[in-house]
Amino acid sequence: SAGGSAKQGRNREFQAILPLRGKILNTEQARLDKIFAYTEIKNLIIALGTSISESFDYSRLRYHRIIIMTDADVDGSHITTLILTFFFRYMKELIEFGYVYIAAPPLYLIKKGKDFEYAWNDAQRNAAVQRLKGAGKEESVNIQRYKGLGEMNAEQLWDTTLNPETRTLRQVTIENAAECDHIFSMLMGDEVAPRRDFIEKNAKYARIDI
């Protein structure tokens, strides 16, 4: 949904945008012929230029910083996981060499008159409210909770998510390949019981936005 504004807001000299329509194929157990037949994944392979699996050729990589940009909600996290599953299974070297990143767009826009600040968590939001309200009432400060990247215009996307001087990125790393392999198989495979146990044990670490 943010493909248009991202293209308008990017720096065309060194940034390329590849819009993806919704959730891509779960490649954890998909056959290669099915993966190559899936349009969104095929476009991604062509854009990167390396091919995949046994035909993967790192020297043909066209971009050395691959940034996943999704909405800061459950669906966005699912899409990120699907893309990372594909990279881990078929282009693992991209992660091992440190070329894969996840964008961290702000969750809030805090505004009072012409003054505004962005916030990436609740603590930053509360601090921004205190700074902007000054001696006035808190009700005079407007707080916008971003539900998705599509709510930002091109200028806002550049300032918060695209500009190398101001954006926040999380680099994807593989500290323990065996453990990563196990977790991807568990979360993206067909076995329901292990996935349910993992969610139950780790639910307390999740942040829920209501």
C-alpha atoms as a PDB file:
ATOM      1  CA  SER A   1       0.000   0.000   0.000  1.00  0.00           C
ATOM      2  CA  ALA A   2       3.012   2.299   0.508  1.00  0.00           C
ATOM      3  CA  GLY A   3       4.699   1.424  -2.792  1.00  0.00           C
ATOM      4  CA  GLY A   4       3.669   4.672  -4.481  1.00  0.00           C
ATOM      5  CA  SER A   5       4.687   7.030  -1.687  1.00  0.00           C
ATOM      6  CA  ALA A   6       7.931   5.090  -1.134  1.00  0.00           C
ATOM      7  CA  LYS A   7       8.861   5.501  -4.802  1.00  0.00           C
ATOM      8  CA  GLN A   8       8.096   9.217  -4.606  1.00  0.00           C
ATOM      9  CA  GLY A   9      10.039   9.673  -1.386  1.00  0.00           C
ATOM     10  CA  ARG A  10      13.192   7.670  -2.163  1.00  0.00           C
ATOM     11  CA  ASN A  11      16.451   9.012  -3.535  1.00  0.00           C
ATOM     12  CA  ARG A  12      16.463   7.633  -7.083  1.00  0.00           C
ATOM     13  CA  GLU A  13      20.261   7.857  -7.316  1.00  0.00           C
ATOM     14  CA  PHE A  14      20.835   4.948  -4.947  1.00  0.00           C
ATOM     15  CA  GLN A  15      17.482   3.526  -3.794  1.00  0.00           C
ATOM     16  CA  ALA A  16      15.149   1.102  -5.561  1.00  0.00           C
ATOM     17  CA  ILE A  17      11.679   0.074  -4.385  1.00  0.00           C
ATOM     18  CA  LEU A  18      10.142  -3.338  -5.109  1.00  0.00           C
ATOM     19  CA  PRO A  19       6.468  -3.363  -4.025  1.00  0.00           C
ATOM     20  CA  LEU A  20       5.074  -6.735  -2.934  1.00  0.00           C
ATOM     21  CA  ARG A  21       1.354  -7.458  -3.056  1.00  0.00           C
ATOM     22  CA  GLY A  22       0.372  -8.859   0.306  1.00  0.00           C
ATOM     23  CA  LYS A  23       1.835 -12.013   1.820  1.00  0.00           C
ATOM     24  CA  ILE A  24       4.259 -13.970  -0.326  1.00  0.00           C
ATOM     25  CA  LEU A  25       4.374 -17.747  -0.634  1.00  0.00           C
ATOM     26  CA  ASN A  26       5.540 -19.709   2.422  1.00  0.00           C
ATOM     27  CA  THR A  27       8.706 -21.236   0.950  1.00  0.00           C
ATOM     28  CA  GLU A  28       9.554 -23.461   3.921  1.00  0.00           C
ATOM     29  CA  GLN A  29       8.301 -26.599   2.167  1.00  0.00           C
ATOM     30  CA  ALA A  30       7.496 -25.329  -1.322  1.00  0.00           C
ATOM     31  CA  ARG A  31       9.044 -26.964  -4.393  1.00  0.00           C
ATOM     32  CA  LEU A  32      11.403 -24.917  -6.566  1.00  0.00           C
ATOM     33  CA  ASP A  33       9.042 -24.999  -9.537  1.00  0.00           C
ATOM     34  CA  LYS A  34       6.275 -23.528  -7.385  1.00  0.00           C
ATOM     35  CA  ILE A  35       8.637 -20.848  -6.053  1.00  0.00           C
ATOM     36  CA  PHE A  36       9.757 -19.819  -9.549  1.00  0.00           C
ATOM     37  CA  ALA A  37       6.116 -19.723 -10.672  1.00  0.00           C
ATOM     38  CA  TYR A  38       5.139 -17.326  -7.874  1.00  0.00           C
ATOM     39  CA  THR A  39       5.217 -13.833  -9.407  1.00  0.00           C
ATOM     40  CA  GLU A  40       6.198 -11.828  -6.322  1.00  0.00           C
ATOM     41  CA  ILE A  41       9.137 -14.105  -5.499  1.00  0.00           C
ATOM     42  CA  LYS A  42      10.216 -14.326  -9.136  1.00  0.00           C
ATOM     43  CA  ASN A  43      10.321 -10.518  -9.318  1.00  0.00           C
ATOM     44  CA  LEU A  44      12.424 -10.435  -6.142  1.00  0.00           C
ATOM     45  CA  ILE A  45      14.907 -12.964  -7.545  1.00  0.00           C
ATOM     46  CA  ILE A  46      15.207 -10.999 -10.792  1.00  0.00           C
ATOM     47  CA  ALA A  47      15.664  -7.705  -8.941  1.00  0.00           C
ATOM     48  CA  LEU A  48      18.506  -9.066  -6.797  1.00  0.00           C
ATOM     49  CA  GLY A  49      20.132 -10.799  -9.768  1.00  0.00           C
ATOM     50  CA  THR A  50      21.651 -13.755  -7.911  1.00  0.00           C
ATOM     51  CA  SER A  51      19.261 -16.617  -8.720  1.00  0.00           C
ATOM     52  CA  ILE A  52      18.611 -18.988  -5.793  1.00  0.00           C
ATOM     53  CA  SER A  53      19.446 -22.311  -4.172  1.00  0.00           C
ATOM     54  CA  GLU A  54      22.230 -24.246  -5.968  1.00  0.00           C
ATOM     55  CA  SER A  55      22.321 -21.634  -8.753  1.00  0.00           C
ATOM     56  CA  PHE A  56      22.853 -18.781  -6.283  1.00  0.00           C
ATOM     57  CA  ASP A  57      25.703 -16.528  -7.444  1.00  0.00           C
ATOM     58  CA  TYR A  58      26.694 -13.955  -4.830  1.00  0.00           C
ATOM     59  CA  SER A  59      28.906 -12.033  -7.284  1.00  0.00           C
ATOM     60  CA  ARG A  60      25.848 -11.000  -9.307  1.00  0.00           C
ATOM     61  CA  LEU A  61      24.089  -9.284  -6.397  1.00  0.00           C
ATOM     62  CA  ARG A  62      22.840  -5.886  -7.576  1.00  0.00           C
ATOM     63  CA  TYR A  63      22.165  -4.333  -4.155  1.00  0.00           C
ATOM     64  CA  HIS A  64      24.258  -4.596  -1.008  1.00  0.00           C
ATOM     65  CA  ARG A  65      21.592  -3.359   1.397  1.00  0.00           C
ATOM     66  CA  ILE A  66      18.243  -5.136   1.187  1.00  0.00           C
ATOM     67  CA  ILE A  67      15.673  -3.537   3.484  1.00  0.00           C
ATOM     68  CA  ILE A  68      12.341  -5.148   4.323  1.00  0.00           C
ATOM     69  CA  MET A  69       9.678  -2.479   4.913  1.00  0.00           C
ATOM     70  CA  THR A  70       6.336  -3.651   6.316  1.00  0.00           C
ATOM     71  CA  ASP A  71       3.586  -2.260   8.513  1.00  0.00           C
ATOM     72  CA  ALA A  72       4.158  -2.313  12.267  1.00  0.00           C
ATOM     73  CA  ASP A  73       1.336  -4.783  12.940  1.00  0.00           C
ATOM     74  CA  VAL A  74       0.734  -8.548  13.020  1.00  0.00           C
ATOM     75  CA  ASP A  75       0.290  -8.840   9.245  1.00  0.00           C
ATOM     76  CA  GLY A  76       3.468  -6.838   8.670  1.00  0.00           C
ATOM     77  CA  SER A  77       5.403  -9.118  11.017  1.00  0.00           C
ATOM     78  CA  HIS A  78       4.037 -12.162   9.193  1.00  0.00           C
ATOM     79  CA  ILE A  79       5.128 -10.775   5.824  1.00  0.00           C
ATOM     80  CA  THR A  80       8.598 -10.052   7.238  1.00  0.00           C
ATOM     81  CA  THR A  81       8.829 -13.636   8.525  1.00  0.00           C
ATOM     82  CA  LEU A  82       7.786 -15.030   5.125  1.00  0.00           C
ATOM     83  CA  ILE A  83      10.455 -12.970   3.342  1.00  0.00           C
ATOM     84  CA  LEU A  84      13.122 -13.954   5.889  1.00  0.00           C
ATOM     85  CA  THR A  85      12.126 -17.612   5.481  1.00  0.00           C
ATOM     86  CA  PHE A  86      12.750 -17.308   1.739  1.00  0.00           C
ATOM     87  CA  PHE A  87      16.123 -15.606   2.246  1.00  0.00           C
ATOM     88  CA  PHE A  88      17.213 -18.114   4.902  1.00  0.00           C
ATOM     89  CA  ARG A  89      16.300 -21.147   2.786  1.00  0.00           C
ATOM     90  CA  TYR A  90      17.408 -19.995  -0.656  1.00  0.00           C
ATOM     91  CA  MET A  91      19.737 -16.975  -0.247  1.00  0.00           C
ATOM     92  CA  LYS A  92      21.286 -17.558   3.167  1.00  0.00           C
ATOM     93  CA  GLU A  93      24.545 -15.849   2.135  1.00  0.00           C
ATOM     94  CA  LEU A  94      22.704 -12.518   1.963  1.00  0.00           C
ATOM     95  CA  ILE A  95      22.018 -12.789   5.693  1.00  0.00           C
ATOM     96  CA  GLU A  96      25.434 -14.235   6.533  1.00  0.00           C
ATOM     97  CA  PHE A  97      27.201 -11.355   4.759  1.00  0.00           C
ATOM     98  CA  GLY A  98      25.050  -8.764   6.563  1.00  0.00           C
ATOM     99  CA  TYR A  99      23.069  -7.437   3.599  1.00  0.00           C
ATOM    100  CA  VAL A 100      19.528  -7.948   4.957  1.00  0.00           C
ATOM    101  CA  TYR A 101      17.877  -5.314   7.160  1.00  0.00           C
ATOM    102  CA  ILE A 102      14.424  -4.644   8.586  1.00  0.00           C
ATOM    103  CA  ALA A 103      13.159  -1.073   8.534  1.00  0.00           C
ATOM    104  CA  ALA A 104      11.773   0.331  11.789  1.00  0.00           C
ATOM    105  CA  PRO A 105       9.144   2.960  10.906  1.00  0.00           C
ATOM    106  CA  PRO A 106       7.810   5.113  13.759  1.00  0.00           C
ATOM    107  CA  LEU A 107       4.667   4.115  15.596  1.00  0.00           C
ATOM    108  CA  TYR A 108       3.538   7.641  16.481  1.00  0.00           C
ATOM    109  CA  LEU A 109       3.410  11.195  15.143  1.00  0.00           C
ATOM    110  CA  ILE A 110       3.066  13.694  17.993  1.00  0.00           C
ATOM    111  CA  LYS A 111       2.049  17.169  16.843  1.00  0.00           C
ATOM    112  CA  LYS A 112       1.185  20.536  18.325  1.00  0.00           C
ATOM    113  CA  GLY A 113       0.570  23.308  15.842  1.00  0.00           C
ATOM    114  CA  LYS A 114       3.489  23.313  13.404  1.00  0.00           C
ATOM    115  CA  ASP A 115       5.793  21.443  15.796  1.00  0.00           C
ATOM    116  CA  PHE A 116       5.966  17.659  15.633  1.00  0.00           C
ATOM    117  CA  GLU A 117       8.058  14.676  16.674  1.00  0.00           C
ATOM    118  CA  TYR A 118       8.092  10.975  15.769  1.00  0.00           C
ATOM    119  CA  ALA A 119       8.196   8.183  18.341  1.00  0.00           C
ATOM    120  CA  TRP A 120       9.137   4.513  17.996  1.00  0.00           C
ATOM    121  CA  ASN A 121       7.763   3.352  21.342  1.00  0.00           C
ATOM    122  CA  ASP A 122       5.463   4.440  24.153  1.00  0.00           C
ATOM    123  CA  ALA A 123       8.245   5.963  26.259  1.00  0.00           C
ATOM    124  CA  GLN A 124       9.354   8.206  23.386  1.00  0.00           C
ATOM    125  CA  ARG A 125       5.719   9.122  22.730  1.00  0.00           C
ATOM    126  CA  ASN A 126       5.142  10.177  26.331  1.00  0.00           C
ATOM    127  CA  ALA A 127       8.377  12.199  26.399  1.00  0.00           C
ATOM    128  CA  ALA A 128       7.446  13.949  23.151  1.00  0.00           C
ATOM    129  CA  VAL A 129       4.018  14.833  24.541  1.00  0.00           C
ATOM    130  CA  GLN A 130       5.629  16.413  27.594  1.00  0.00           C
ATOM    131  CA  ARG A 131       8.067  18.426  25.480  1.00  0.00           C
ATOM    132  CA  LEU A 132       5.468  19.671  23.024  1.00  0.00           C
ATOM    133  CA  LYS A 133       2.755  20.579  25.508  1.00  0.00           C
ATOM    134  CA  GLY A 134       5.119  22.867  27.443  1.00  0.00           C
ATOM    135  CA  ALA A 135       3.060  24.819  29.950  1.00  0.00           C
ATOM    136  CA  GLY A 136      -0.151  24.019  28.135  1.00  0.00           C
ATOM    137  CA  LYS A 137      -2.633  21.184  28.503  1.00  0.00           C
ATOM    138  CA  GLU A 138      -1.883  17.671  27.241  1.00  0.00           C
ATOM    139  CA  GLU A 139      -5.146  17.770  25.248  1.00  0.00           C
ATOM    140  CA  SER A 140      -3.540  20.390  22.980  1.00  0.00           C
ATOM    141  CA  VAL A 141      -1.126  17.750  21.659  1.00  0.00           C
ATOM    142  CA  ASN A 142      -2.349  15.472  18.871  1.00  0.00           C
ATOM    143  CA  ILE A 143      -1.105  11.866  18.808  1.00  0.00           C
ATOM    144  CA  GLN A 144      -1.421   9.839  15.611  1.00  0.00           C
ATOM    145  CA  ARG A 145      -0.833   6.096  15.835  1.00  0.00           C
ATOM    146  CA  TYR A 146       0.431   4.819  12.495  1.00  0.00           C
ATOM    147  CA  LYS A 147      -1.339   1.608  11.537  1.00  0.00           C
ATOM    148  CA  GLY A 148       0.718   1.179   8.386  1.00  0.00           C
ATOM    149  CA  LEU A 149       3.288   2.706   6.069  1.00  0.00           C
ATOM    150  CA  GLY A 150       0.489   3.737   3.728  1.00  0.00           C
ATOM    151  CA  GLU A 151      -0.611   6.393   6.242  1.00  0.00           C
ATOM    152  CA  MET A 152       2.610   8.345   5.649  1.00  0.00           C
ATOM    153  CA  ASN A 153       3.120  10.617   2.678  1.00  0.00           C
ATOM    154  CA  ALA A 154       6.334  10.573   0.635  1.00  0.00           C
ATOM    155  CA  GLU A 155       8.050  13.240   2.733  1.00  0.00           C
ATOM    156  CA  GLN A 156       7.230  11.486   6.007  1.00  0.00           C
ATOM    157  CA  LEU A 157       8.465   8.135   4.673  1.00  0.00           C
ATOM    158  CA  TRP A 158      11.740   9.733   3.610  1.00  0.00           C
ATOM    159  CA  ASP A 159      12.261  11.483   6.946  1.00  0.00           C
ATOM    160  CA  THR A 160      11.517   8.435   9.088  1.00  0.00           C
ATOM    161  CA  THR A 161      12.241   5.283   7.089  1.00  0.00           C
ATOM    162  CA  LEU A 162      14.216   5.979   3.903  1.00  0.00           C
ATOM    163  CA  ASN A 163      16.731   8.719   4.721  1.00  0.00           C
ATOM    164  CA  PRO A 164      20.090   7.104   5.661  1.00  0.00           C
ATOM    165  CA  GLU A 165      20.775  10.037   7.997  1.00  0.00           C
ATOM    166  CA  THR A 166      17.635   9.628  10.115  1.00  0.00           C
ATOM    167  CA  ARG A 167      16.179   6.145   9.584  1.00  0.00           C
ATOM    168  CA  THR A 168      16.418   3.216  11.992  1.00  0.00           C
ATOM    169  CA  LEU A 169      17.379  -0.223  10.629  1.00  0.00           C
ATOM    170  CA  ARG A 170      17.733  -3.611  12.321  1.00  0.00           C
ATOM    171  CA  GLN A 171      20.356  -5.815  10.701  1.00  0.00           C
ATOM    172  CA  VAL A 172      19.398  -9.482  10.348  1.00  0.00           C
ATOM    173  CA  THR A 173      22.146 -11.839  11.552  1.00  0.00           C
ATOM    174  CA  ILE A 174      22.588 -15.578  12.026  1.00  0.00           C
ATOM    175  CA  GLU A 175      24.322 -16.236  15.318  1.00  0.00           C
ATOM    176  CA  ASN A 176      23.419 -19.911  15.449  1.00  0.00           C
ATOM    177  CA  ALA A 177      22.520 -21.437  12.096  1.00  0.00           C
ATOM    178  CA  ALA A 178      21.304 -24.713  13.596  1.00  0.00           C
ATOM    179  CA  GLU A 179      18.952 -22.928  15.990  1.00  0.00           C
ATOM    180  CA  CYS A 180      17.676 -20.658  13.188  1.00  0.00           C
ATOM    181  CA  ASP A 181      17.043 -23.714  11.016  1.00  0.00           C
ATOM    182  CA  HIS A 182      15.046 -25.335  13.806  1.00  0.00           C
ATOM    183  CA  ILE A 183      12.954 -22.234  14.529  1.00  0.00           C
ATOM    184  CA  PHE A 184      12.108 -21.580  10.869  1.00  0.00           C
ATOM    185  CA  SER A 185      11.088 -25.222  10.417  1.00  0.00           C
ATOM    186  CA  MET A 186       8.951 -25.082  13.548  1.00  0.00           C
ATOM    187  CA  LEU A 187       7.237 -21.757  12.843  1.00  0.00           C
ATOM    188  CA  MET A 188       6.719 -22.127   9.106  1.00  0.00           C
ATOM    189  CA  GLY A 189       6.271 -25.910   8.769  1.00  0.00           C
ATOM    190  CA  ASP A 190       3.182 -28.115   8.925  1.00  0.00           C
ATOM    191  CA  GLU A 191       3.494 -29.329  12.525  1.00  0.00           C
ATOM    192  CA  VAL A 192       1.018 -27.375  14.657  1.00  0.00           C
ATOM    193  CA  ALA A 193       1.909 -28.661  18.151  1.00  0.00           C
ATOM    194  CA  PRO A 194       5.547 -27.387  18.281  1.00  0.00           C
ATOM    195  CA  ARG A 195       4.441 -24.004  16.943  1.00  0.00           C
ATOM    196  CA  ARG A 196       1.689 -23.767  19.581  1.00  0.00           C
ATOM    197  CA  ASP A 197       4.141 -24.673  22.364  1.00  0.00           C
ATOM    198  CA  PHE A 198       6.615 -22.031  21.134  1.00  0.00           C
ATOM    199  CA  ILE A 199       3.927 -19.342  21.086  1.00  0.00           C
ATOM    200  CA  GLU A 200       2.665 -20.262  24.545  1.00  0.00           C
ATOM    201  CA  LYS A 201       6.178 -20.145  26.024  1.00  0.00           C
ATOM    202  CA  ASN A 202       7.132 -16.872  24.335  1.00  0.00           C
ATOM    203  CA  ALA A 203       3.823 -14.980  24.360  1.00  0.00           C
ATOM    204  CA  LYS A 204       4.879 -13.073  27.485  1.00  0.00           C
ATOM    205  CA  TYR A 205       7.623 -11.386  25.446  1.00  0.00           C
ATOM    206  CA  ALA A 206       5.228 -10.089  22.791  1.00  0.00           C
ATOM    207  CA  ARG A 207       3.982  -6.493  22.743  1.00  0.00           C
ATOM    208  CA  ILE A 208       0.229  -6.271  22.105  1.00  0.00           C
ATOM    209  CA  ASP A 209      -1.260  -3.071  20.731  1.00  0.00           C
ATOM    210  CA  ILE A 210      -4.971  -2.560  21.465  1.00  0.00           C
END
